[in-house]
Amino acid sequence: MKRRNFLSNLAAGIGTLPFLPEVDQGTGDRLQRLSADVASASGSSDLWRRVREEFQLNPGLTHLNCGTLGATPTLVIDAVTNYTHEIEGNPASKSFSWGGAQMEEVRARAADFIGADLEEVAFTRNTTEAMNAVATGIDVGPGDQVLTTNHEHGGGMVCWQYLRKHRGVELVYIEMPRVVQSQQQIVDLVRDHITPRTKVCSFSHIDTIAGVRLPMAQIAAITRPLGILLVCDGAQVPGMLPVDVTALGVDTYAFSGHKWMLGPKGSGLLYIRREVQDRVHPTFLYDGYRGYTASGGTRNVAGVLGQGITMDFHDAIGRERIEARCRELSAYLRHQLQEIPTLQPMTPTDHELSGALQTWALDKGNSGEILNRLRHEYQILFKTAQPTYAYCAEERHLRESYNAIRFSTHIFNYEAQIDYAVDVLRRVLAEA
């Protein structure tokens, strides 16, 4: 069944949701009710109030840190619990025969979700695992260069550090501007750092430090004609912004299901473009990309099926609607934070250079102390922005801390929460 037909049925409140195992048809009913309620909401406030009913965040908690971990909807949690009970009633048969078939249905959905073909996507546990698989599956050695940036997350850095230590690969870093001014500025930096020895370019789709959205398609226009592999750490994008890996032009794309996707913890996906699979060949994919293979081994079947329900949760609301809401809340937060004179923005305002993750540097006070005070005294959660070269032992002397705080806004947040968080932050910063 094509996803567009599935969504049409879902939105209309009809259909039998054939993707769902019989053990969990109740989840299909809940998804249909959610879709119908969203479609019939009398306004934006009613719509998002209804969506927030799907989450079980603690009362009084202001969670502005989806960039680290998202909150999973209750219907997904319940579905995973149902699948676990079903599997444990007959573990071997349910995990491999029944579970294998169901995982393939989810894998097909996942491929469609990011604009890939079925045999280009495989399940992982997180972005880091996927990036490690890509790096160790590429044939590079002494003399070969990997071009990356000083703003990568650990999951996008340690894999290349490993290759430098064990294969003699040379790492070249782009020093990202403190505040990026344009897409062309990034494209020029990439072009200027490529050499005849560059074999891989590895960049985050959205930068974990400053929330900058990199122009991957424009970068791909440089790397692909040169035969350079373009590896993308997409941890901060799917679930916040729609993703089409074909349009992006990347050769690999890795992301976690437990951040903006709001899926089960320890879930993720890896895309490897069909045309480069002879050049990127991780050990765990030796026997194929299916949910269970001889080289991949046993999976957390219930968690994988939960990924599928999470994708249906997003589609029941509407991916474009989710993006618009994430951006709306981010803009609302930015408007208030810019009134605090001791905060300096690091995230561009340009639509094409940003998403719903934003970072602000402190003119005074210590970001870690500020974070801990708001967390312990006020139950307000955000994140301190990591320093540059955060996970690179060899480049420790180059490390720079921006003394910055990072905020993420998602559909479980709302304006009154942001008002409260900004008011508390303003008072705490004034005392710093």
Protein backbone atom coordinates (compact mmCIF):
# COMPACT_ATOMS: atom_id res chain seq x y z
CA MET A 1 0.00 0.00 0.00
CA LYS A 2 1.47 3.39 -0.98
CA ARG A 3 1.99 5.81 1.88
CA ARG A 4 -0.03 8.54 0.18
CA ASN A 5 -3.02 6.18 0.08
CA PHE A 6 -2.43 5.19 3.68
CA LEU A 7 -2.35 8.83 4.73
CA SER A 8 -5.47 9.57 2.74
CA ASN A 9 -7.28 6.82 4.58
CA LEU A 10 -5.83 7.92 7.87
CA ALA A 11 -6.87 11.52 7.44
CA ALA A 12 -10.36 10.45 6.46
CA GLY A 13 -10.65 8.20 9.50
CA ILE A 14 -11.21 5.10 7.35
CA GLY A 15 -9.19 2.11 6.24
CA THR A 16 -7.81 -0.84 8.17
CA LEU A 17 -4.17 0.24 8.56
CA PRO A 18 -2.72 -2.98 7.08
CA PHE A 19 0.81 -2.01 8.14
CA LEU A 20 -0.12 -2.58 11.79
CA PRO A 21 0.21 -6.11 13.23
CA GLU A 22 -3.10 -7.59 14.32
CA VAL A 23 -1.88 -7.55 17.91
CA ASP A 24 -1.95 -3.75 17.87
CA GLN A 25 -4.95 -2.58 15.90
CA GLY A 26 -5.81 -0.35 18.86
CA THR A 27 -2.87 1.86 17.91
CA GLY A 28 -4.39 2.29 14.49
CA ASP A 29 -7.61 3.51 16.08
CA ARG A 30 -5.69 6.01 18.17
CA LEU A 31 -3.78 7.29 15.15
CA GLN A 32 -7.02 7.73 13.24
CA ARG A 33 -8.60 9.63 16.12
CA LEU A 34 -5.56 11.87 16.38
CA SER A 35 -5.63 12.59 12.66
CA ALA A 36 -9.35 13.33 12.74
CA ASP A 37 -8.98 15.59 15.79
CA VAL A 38 -6.14 17.50 14.16
CA ALA A 39 -8.16 17.95 10.98
CA SER A 40 -11.23 19.20 12.87
CA ALA A 41 -9.48 21.46 15.40
CA SER A 42 -11.07 24.89 15.53
CA GLY A 43 -7.73 26.70 15.63
CA SER A 44 -4.02 26.42 16.28
CA SER A 45 -4.38 26.49 20.07
CA ASP A 46 -6.92 23.65 20.08
CA LEU A 47 -4.88 21.65 17.58
CA TRP A 48 -1.64 21.73 19.57
CA ARG A 49 -3.42 21.29 22.90
CA ARG A 50 -4.85 18.07 21.46
CA VAL A 51 -1.41 16.95 20.27
CA ARG A 52 0.12 17.59 23.69
CA GLU A 53 -2.35 15.10 25.17
CA GLU A 54 -0.31 12.39 23.44
CA PHE A 55 2.71 12.99 25.70
CA GLN A 56 3.35 12.08 29.32
CA LEU A 57 5.99 14.61 30.33
CA ASN A 58 6.01 15.32 34.05
CA PRO A 59 3.76 18.18 35.15
CA GLY A 60 5.81 21.34 35.66
CA LEU A 61 8.66 20.16 33.43
CA THR A 62 9.69 22.50 30.60
CA HIS A 63 11.61 20.30 28.16
CA LEU A 64 13.46 22.51 25.68
CA ASN A 65 16.11 19.92 24.85
CA CYS A 66 14.72 17.73 22.10
CA GLY A 67 18.12 18.09 20.42
CA THR A 68 19.41 15.67 23.04
CA LEU A 69 16.38 13.39 23.51
CA GLY A 70 12.79 13.78 22.47
CA ALA A 71 9.66 12.79 24.36
CA THR A 72 7.95 9.68 22.99
CA PRO A 73 4.14 9.79 22.55
CA THR A 74 2.18 7.52 24.85
CA LEU A 75 0.63 5.63 21.94
CA VAL A 76 4.13 4.68 20.74
CA ILE A 77 5.14 3.57 24.24
CA ASP A 78 1.97 1.48 24.50
CA ALA A 79 2.55 -0.05 21.08
CA VAL A 80 6.11 -1.08 21.98
CA THR A 81 4.77 -2.63 25.18
CA ASN A 82 2.15 -4.58 23.22
CA TYR A 83 4.78 -5.83 20.77
CA THR A 84 7.04 -6.89 23.63
CA HIS A 85 4.26 -8.93 25.25
CA GLU A 86 3.44 -10.56 21.91
CA ILE A 87 7.08 -11.47 21.26
CA GLU A 88 7.75 -12.82 24.73
CA GLY A 89 4.85 -15.24 24.45
CA ASN A 90 6.82 -17.14 21.79
CA PRO A 91 10.27 -15.46 21.59
CA ALA A 92 12.03 -17.32 18.79
CA SER A 93 9.11 -17.53 16.35
CA LYS A 94 7.88 -14.02 17.03
CA SER A 95 11.32 -12.43 16.88
CA PHE A 96 12.41 -13.97 13.60
CA SER A 97 9.50 -15.08 11.40
CA TRP A 98 6.73 -12.73 12.54
CA GLY A 99 9.12 -9.98 13.64
CA GLY A 100 11.22 -10.22 10.50
CA ALA A 101 8.21 -9.67 8.25
CA GLN A 102 6.96 -6.78 10.36
CA MET A 103 10.39 -5.12 10.39
CA GLU A 104 10.44 -5.22 6.61
CA GLU A 105 7.16 -3.32 6.55
CA VAL A 106 8.68 -0.70 8.82
CA ARG A 107 11.84 -0.54 6.72
CA ALA A 108 9.72 0.17 3.66
CA ARG A 109 7.98 2.96 5.55
CA ALA A 110 11.34 4.33 6.69
CA ALA A 111 12.66 4.40 3.13
CA ASP A 112 9.59 6.28 1.99
CA PHE A 113 9.85 8.65 4.95
CA ILE A 114 13.26 9.94 3.82
CA GLY A 115 12.84 9.57 0.06
CA ALA A 116 15.04 6.49 -0.39
CA ASP A 117 14.68 3.06 -1.98
CA LEU A 118 14.10 0.03 0.23
CA GLU A 119 17.53 -1.47 -0.38
CA GLU A 120 19.23 1.77 0.65
CA VAL A 121 18.11 1.83 4.30
CA ALA A 122 18.98 -0.23 7.36
CA PHE A 123 18.09 -0.04 11.03
CA THR A 124 20.64 1.06 13.62
CA ARG A 125 20.48 1.97 17.29
CA ASN A 126 21.50 5.61 16.87
CA THR A 127 23.37 8.12 14.72
CA THR A 128 26.75 7.30 16.26
CA GLU A 129 26.46 3.60 15.42
CA ALA A 130 25.48 4.46 11.86
CA MET A 131 28.37 6.91 11.42
CA ASN A 132 30.80 4.34 12.81
CA ALA A 133 29.49 1.77 10.35
CA VAL A 134 29.96 4.15 7.44
CA ALA A 135 33.49 5.19 8.39
CA THR A 136 34.79 1.68 9.02
CA GLY A 137 33.09 0.50 5.82
CA ILE A 138 35.05 2.86 3.56
CA ASP A 139 38.36 1.81 2.00
CA VAL A 140 40.70 4.64 2.98
CA GLY A 141 44.24 4.71 4.30
CA PRO A 142 47.46 6.70 4.62
CA GLY A 143 47.48 9.76 2.38
CA ASP A 144 43.68 9.94 2.13
CA GLN A 145 41.93 12.95 3.63
CA VAL A 146 38.59 13.27 5.38
CA LEU A 147 37.19 16.80 5.42
CA THR A 148 34.87 17.68 8.30
CA THR A 149 34.26 20.64 10.65
CA ASN A 150 35.19 21.62 14.17
CA HIS A 151 31.47 21.72 15.08
CA GLU A 152 30.64 18.03 14.69
CA HIS A 153 28.99 16.02 17.45
CA GLY A 154 30.94 13.16 18.97
CA GLY A 155 28.91 10.72 16.89
CA GLY A 156 30.25 12.38 13.77
CA MET A 157 33.84 12.78 15.00
CA VAL A 158 35.02 9.65 16.80
CA CYS A 159 34.57 7.50 13.70
CA TRP A 160 37.10 9.59 11.79
CA GLN A 161 39.40 9.80 14.80
CA TYR A 162 39.37 6.01 14.74
CA LEU A 163 40.43 5.95 11.10
CA ARG A 164 43.25 8.38 11.77
CA LYS A 165 44.55 6.21 14.62
CA HIS A 166 44.18 2.82 12.97
CA ARG A 167 44.47 3.53 9.23
CA GLY A 168 46.58 6.65 9.04
CA VAL A 169 43.87 8.82 7.48
CA GLU A 170 44.46 12.58 7.61
CA LEU A 171 41.69 14.75 9.05
CA VAL A 172 41.12 18.26 7.75
CA TYR A 173 38.81 20.58 9.68
CA ILE A 174 36.79 23.53 8.49
CA GLU A 175 36.64 26.09 11.28
CA MET A 176 33.02 27.15 11.26
CA PRO A 177 32.29 30.86 11.63
CA ARG A 178 30.93 31.87 15.00
CA VAL A 179 27.86 33.19 13.17
CA VAL A 180 27.28 31.94 9.62
CA GLN A 181 26.17 34.68 7.24
CA SER A 182 25.02 32.76 4.16
CA GLN A 183 24.83 29.39 2.44
CA GLN A 184 27.47 30.58 -0.01
CA GLN A 185 29.88 31.18 2.85
CA ILE A 186 29.63 27.49 3.79
CA VAL A 187 29.88 26.31 0.18
CA ASP A 188 33.01 28.43 -0.32
CA LEU A 189 34.60 27.02 2.83
CA VAL A 190 33.99 23.47 1.63
CA ARG A 191 35.35 24.18 -1.84
CA ASP A 192 38.43 25.93 -0.44
CA HIS A 193 39.32 22.99 1.81
CA ILE A 194 38.97 20.18 -0.74
CA THR A 195 42.25 18.84 -2.11
CA PRO A 196 43.14 16.11 -4.62
CA ARG A 197 43.53 13.78 -1.61
CA THR A 198 40.04 14.40 -0.21
CA LYS A 199 38.12 11.10 -0.24
CA VAL A 200 35.30 11.90 2.19
CA CYS A 201 33.40 15.00 3.28
CA SER A 202 31.52 14.48 6.54
CA PHE A 203 29.13 17.18 7.75
CA SER A 204 26.12 17.56 10.00
CA HIS A 205 22.87 18.47 8.26
CA ILE A 206 22.17 20.78 11.22
CA ASP A 207 25.19 21.75 13.27
CA THR A 208 24.86 20.54 16.87
CA ILE A 209 26.66 23.57 18.34
CA ALA A 210 25.11 26.55 16.58
CA GLY A 211 22.02 25.07 14.94
CA VAL A 212 23.21 25.97 11.43
CA ARG A 213 21.53 24.08 8.60
CA LEU A 214 24.14 23.23 5.99
CA PRO A 215 23.26 23.44 2.27
CA MET A 216 23.87 19.75 1.56
CA ALA A 217 22.55 19.80 -2.01
CA GLN A 218 24.95 22.60 -2.94
CA ILE A 219 27.80 20.77 -1.26
CA ALA A 220 26.86 17.58 -3.13
CA ALA A 221 27.12 19.51 -6.40
CA ILE A 222 30.80 19.96 -5.55
CA THR A 223 31.64 16.53 -4.14
CA ARG A 224 29.81 14.18 -6.48
CA PRO A 225 31.56 15.20 -9.73
CA LEU A 226 34.89 14.73 -7.92
CA GLY A 227 33.98 11.25 -6.69
CA ILE A 228 34.18 12.39 -3.05
CA LEU A 229 31.84 10.58 -0.67
CA LEU A 230 29.44 12.97 1.07
CA VAL A 231 28.60 11.59 4.52
CA CYS A 232 25.83 13.33 6.48
CA ASP A 233 25.11 13.26 10.20
CA GLY A 234 21.37 13.96 10.19
CA ALA A 235 20.72 13.55 13.91
CA GLN A 236 19.10 16.96 14.32
CA VAL A 237 16.78 16.98 11.30
CA PRO A 238 14.22 14.16 10.68
CA GLY A 239 11.16 14.82 12.78
CA MET A 240 11.85 18.54 12.77
CA LEU A 241 12.14 19.09 9.01
CA PRO A 242 11.06 16.80 6.17
CA VAL A 243 14.03 14.99 4.60
CA ASP A 244 14.53 13.82 1.02
CA VAL A 245 17.94 12.19 0.78
CA THR A 246 17.74 12.04 -3.01
CA ALA A 247 17.20 15.77 -3.27
CA LEU A 248 19.99 16.41 -0.76
CA GLY A 249 22.41 14.46 -2.95
CA VAL A 250 24.19 12.87 0.01
CA ASP A 251 25.88 9.48 -0.28
CA THR A 252 25.05 8.40 3.26
CA TYR A 253 22.65 9.79 5.87
CA ALA A 254 22.49 8.74 9.52
CA PHE A 255 19.99 9.73 12.17
CA SER A 256 18.50 8.70 15.50
CA GLY A 257 14.83 7.97 16.03
CA HIS A 258 14.87 9.24 19.61
CA LYS A 259 15.51 12.93 19.05
CA TRP A 260 13.16 14.99 16.86
CA MET A 261 11.45 11.83 15.59
CA LEU A 262 10.20 11.24 19.16
CA GLY A 263 10.70 7.50 18.78
CA PRO A 264 11.84 4.71 21.11
CA LYS A 265 15.25 5.26 22.70
CA GLY A 266 17.97 3.34 20.93
CA SER A 267 16.45 3.54 17.45
CA GLY A 268 17.98 4.90 14.29
CA LEU A 269 18.40 4.59 10.55
CA LEU A 270 21.22 4.52 8.03
CA TYR A 271 20.88 5.39 4.34
CA ILE A 272 23.57 4.44 1.82
CA ARG A 273 22.98 5.52 -1.77
CA ARG A 274 22.76 2.50 -4.04
CA GLU A 275 25.43 3.83 -6.41
CA VAL A 276 28.10 3.97 -3.67
CA GLN A 277 27.33 0.73 -1.86
CA ASP A 278 30.41 -0.86 -3.42
CA ARG A 279 32.46 1.91 -1.75
CA VAL A 280 30.62 1.99 1.60
CA HIS A 281 30.23 -1.56 2.87
CA PRO A 282 29.83 -1.92 6.66
CA THR A 283 30.34 -5.37 8.13
CA PHE A 284 26.83 -5.51 9.59
CA LEU A 285 25.35 -5.05 6.09
CA TYR A 286 27.41 -7.80 4.45
CA ASP A 287 24.34 -10.04 4.28
CA GLY A 288 21.96 -7.28 3.21
CA TYR A 289 19.92 -4.39 4.54
CA ARG A 290 16.99 -6.36 5.99
CA GLY A 291 15.90 -6.07 9.59
CA TYR A 292 17.40 -9.44 10.44
CA THR A 293 20.43 -10.85 8.63
CA ALA A 294 23.32 -13.16 9.41
CA SER A 295 25.67 -10.17 9.61
CA GLY A 296 23.27 -7.94 11.51
CA GLY A 297 21.96 -10.40 14.07
CA THR A 298 19.05 -10.17 16.47
CA ARG A 299 17.19 -6.88 16.77
CA ASN A 300 15.02 -5.23 19.37
CA VAL A 301 11.97 -6.04 17.26
CA ALA A 302 9.51 -4.18 19.48
CA GLY A 303 11.66 -1.04 19.28
CA VAL A 304 11.94 -1.28 15.51
CA LEU A 305 8.17 -1.63 15.17
CA GLY A 306 7.87 1.34 17.48
CA GLN A 307 9.88 3.35 14.96
CA GLY A 308 7.20 2.57 12.42
CA ILE A 309 4.43 3.78 14.71
CA THR A 310 6.43 6.95 15.36
CA MET A 311 6.54 7.68 11.64
CA ASP A 312 2.79 7.16 11.44
CA PHE A 313 2.38 9.53 14.40
CA HIS A 314 4.19 12.24 12.42
CA ASP A 315 2.12 11.56 9.34
CA ALA A 316 -1.13 11.59 11.31
CA ILE A 317 -0.36 15.17 12.29
CA GLY A 318 1.40 16.13 9.06
CA ARG A 319 5.14 16.58 8.59
CA GLU A 320 4.80 20.06 7.11
CA ARG A 321 2.50 21.05 9.96
CA ILE A 322 5.06 19.78 12.48
CA GLU A 323 7.87 21.72 10.82
CA ALA A 324 5.78 24.89 10.83
CA ARG A 325 4.96 24.48 14.53
CA CYS A 326 8.58 23.75 15.51
CA ARG A 327 9.69 26.86 13.65
CA GLU A 328 6.83 28.94 15.04
CA LEU A 329 7.82 28.13 18.61
CA SER A 330 11.49 28.68 17.83
CA ALA A 331 10.72 32.12 16.41
CA TYR A 332 8.58 32.92 19.46
CA LEU A 333 11.47 31.95 21.73
CA ARG A 334 14.03 33.88 19.67
CA HIS A 335 11.90 37.03 19.77
CA GLN A 336 11.98 36.97 23.57
CA LEU A 337 15.61 35.95 24.00
CA GLN A 338 16.83 38.78 21.79
CA GLU A 339 15.46 41.20 24.39
CA ILE A 340 18.00 39.91 26.93
CA PRO A 341 21.12 42.07 26.41
CA THR A 342 23.58 39.53 27.83
CA LEU A 343 22.67 36.92 25.18
CA GLN A 344 24.19 36.95 21.71
CA PRO A 345 22.66 34.80 18.93
CA MET A 346 24.81 32.18 17.19
CA THR A 347 22.06 30.70 15.02
CA PRO A 348 21.19 32.41 11.72
CA THR A 349 17.67 33.72 11.23
CA ASP A 350 17.60 32.81 7.53
CA HIS A 351 15.00 30.10 6.88
CA GLU A 352 17.35 28.00 4.76
CA LEU A 353 20.13 28.16 7.34
CA SER A 354 18.11 27.26 10.42
CA GLY A 355 15.50 24.99 11.95
CA ALA A 356 14.09 24.78 15.47
CA LEU A 357 17.41 24.46 17.30
CA GLN A 358 19.01 27.74 18.40
CA THR A 359 22.08 28.71 20.40
CA TRP A 360 22.89 31.85 22.37
CA ALA A 361 26.28 32.85 23.79
CA LEU A 362 26.44 34.41 27.26
CA ASP A 363 28.23 37.72 27.77
CA LYS A 364 28.43 36.99 31.49
CA GLY A 365 27.82 34.05 33.77
CA ASN A 366 28.72 30.40 33.21
CA SER A 367 26.50 28.39 30.89
CA GLY A 368 26.87 25.18 32.90
CA GLU A 369 25.97 26.87 36.16
CA ILE A 370 22.98 28.58 34.55
CA LEU A 371 21.78 25.28 33.10
CA ASN A 372 22.10 23.43 36.41
CA ARG A 373 20.26 26.11 38.33
CA LEU A 374 17.31 26.19 35.92
CA ARG A 375 17.16 22.40 35.85
CA HIS A 376 17.28 21.81 39.60
CA GLU A 377 15.36 24.82 40.85
CA TYR A 378 12.81 25.35 38.07
CA GLN A 379 12.59 22.07 36.06
CA ILE A 380 13.57 23.91 32.88
CA LEU A 381 15.71 21.77 30.58
CA PHE A 382 17.96 22.97 27.79
CA LYS A 383 21.60 22.23 26.94
CA THR A 384 24.97 23.90 27.08
CA ALA A 385 26.52 24.08 23.63
CA GLN A 386 29.52 21.77 23.41
CA PRO A 387 32.94 23.30 22.65
CA THR A 388 34.60 22.94 19.26
CA TYR A 389 36.61 19.72 18.67
CA ALA A 390 34.70 18.34 21.65
CA TYR A 391 35.61 14.70 21.10
CA CYS A 392 39.05 15.11 19.50
CA ALA A 393 41.81 14.33 21.99
CA GLU A 394 44.54 15.28 19.52
CA GLU A 395 43.00 18.73 18.92
CA ARG A 396 42.39 19.50 22.58
CA HIS A 397 44.64 22.54 22.36
CA LEU A 398 42.36 24.01 19.67
CA ARG A 399 39.20 23.56 21.68
CA GLU A 400 37.05 26.66 22.16
CA SER A 401 34.06 27.04 24.43
CA TYR A 402 31.42 29.50 23.31
CA ASN A 403 29.90 29.63 26.82
CA ALA A 404 26.54 29.18 25.11
CA ILE A 405 23.16 27.63 25.78
CA ARG A 406 21.10 25.70 23.22
CA PHE A 407 17.31 25.42 22.99
CA SER A 408 15.11 23.01 21.01
CA THR A 409 11.38 23.50 20.49
CA HIS A 410 8.99 20.72 19.45
CA ILE A 411 5.27 20.07 19.28
CA PHE A 412 4.96 19.17 22.97
CA ASN A 413 6.07 22.71 23.89
CA TYR A 414 3.76 25.73 24.02
CA GLU A 415 3.97 29.49 24.35
CA ALA A 416 3.26 29.74 28.09
CA GLN A 417 6.15 27.37 28.78
CA ILE A 418 8.47 29.55 26.75
CA ASP A 419 7.24 32.69 28.56
CA TYR A 420 8.02 31.01 31.88
CA ALA A 421 11.45 29.74 30.80
CA VAL A 422 12.53 33.12 29.42
CA ASP A 423 11.30 34.97 32.50
CA VAL A 424 13.28 32.66 34.80
CA LEU A 425 16.34 32.82 32.57
CA ARG A 426 16.22 36.60 32.48
CA ARG A 427 16.14 36.78 36.29
CA VAL A 428 18.92 34.21 36.75
CA LEU A 429 21.16 35.93 34.19
CA ALA A 430 20.63 39.26 35.92
CA GLU A 431 22.00 37.68 39.11
CA ALA A 432 25.01 36.09 37.39
